[in-house]
Amino acid sequence: MDFTTFITKIASRRKSGILRSYAKKFAEHKNAISLANGMPNATTFPFEEISVTYKGGTKIKLTGEELSSSLQYAPSQGYLPLLKKMREFQEHWYKPIYNEWDIVLTCGSMEGCSKVLEMILENGDPMMAQVPTYDGILGALIPLEPEFIGIEQDEDGIIPANIAKVCEERRCSDKPMPKILYVNPTGGNPTGTVLTDSRRRQIYELAETYNFLILEDDPYSFVHFLEKAPTTFLELDTKGRVIRLDSISKVISAGLRLGVITAHKEIIKKLTAHMETTSIHPSSLSQMLLYKLLNTWSVDKLQKHFNDVQRFYRSRRDVMLSLTEKHLTGLAEWNVPKGGMFVWMKVNKVKDVMELADKECISQGIFVIPGHAFNYDRSKPEQHIRLSYSYATPEEIDKALSILAKLIREEIKKLD
């Protein structure tokens, strides 16, 4: 099946609802009079104005039409002025090569990822994903019952040779080819890896060779600790093979619940149709607040903000690494995170960390995530735990790692 047929088949899964289709047309027509509009009248809402102050002292006030738009239904693809701003944002930061792309706004990148997987996968379809994988993605996959093919990682992210091996073996044995590869390339959750540029190029070439899509889930795009921002798969894409997920959660606000999907226009049309019959659209108020921020801050100010975020998490990472060496040297192994918010740690001599994490740690008032959470088959023994340095203070990290070291020693004694 050629790529154009592949995209068309995927995009044919959903049709727009008639009412939402009319609502979109009305929103795009400035002088239309609608007798079809079933929206509540905004004059009945109990809000006079909404005021927000940004860091640095800049204030905005939502009144009149902007306040009404913030409290009202919006087109399922997104608030039109914000869509324009976000297209400009994607062009500036990621520079898509081909022209037939568009975006849709979602309630965070997790909702976007879930909707993409629902659109593409049918029961039993083969798909590839980096392992270990963020547990939210696994939770979205399990009800779809795909044939899950894990692709191992090392300190530089997923390994292209493993993808080639899987695809070639399936082609030679006449098995169905994987439809999609899920990858969390920058600051991967839970490993903290950043996929190298050379590997990204190799993976894109493999996607062309074996005709699979790449689901680029990149919420930590601006939380990397490299001198130069890594090249995104979207920047390598020449015809719409990449479906990119972005999120504002890690750099602007998690509670606003806004994400962006960038993909081929035909895919965006069907994802928008999916939005029409599920969440309808992300919060209009959240969209307005993001629009006003992007409309107020210059690109230079945004860049400064992203740099500040990177410095904050790099500093926290360095504290975590220093204290990990202090308390856990000889007890565990870990790589230096190149991005994100996590340290992925292998506990030495303990063949399964579930009891350590789920009972012993909790009983002592510390919380870590056992590696089982990041495996598609959670019944397998797991030696890894995930530690986060994003929220705890340096003093809390020191105390928690001291307790963790004590518990690991006690666990090892039980095995002797």
Foldseek 3Di string as FASTA:
>chain_A
DDQVVLLVVLLVPFDADPLLVVVVVVVVDDDDDDPSDPWDDLVPDPDAKDKDADPVGDIDIQHDPRVSLLQTFDRLQAHVLLQVLVVVVCCVPANFDADQKGKGKFLFLLVVLLLSCVSNAAAAAEAEEEPLAQLSNLVSCVVRHYNYHYFYADQQGGDLVSVVVVQVVCVVVVHDGHAEYEGAAALGPPALHHHAQVVLVSNVVVCNVRVHAYEHEYAFQLFFQDPDRHRDNSNVDDAFRYWYKYGCPLQNNVVQRMIMIMTRNSNSNSSSSVSCPPVSHRRSNSSSVVSVVSVPDDPVRVVVSSVVSNVVQVVLLVLLVVLCCVQCVVQWDWDRRRGDFKIKIFGPPDQACCCVQVPVLVVVPDHWAFSLSSDSNSVHGGRIIMDGRPDDDSVRSNVSSNSSSVSSVVVNVVVD
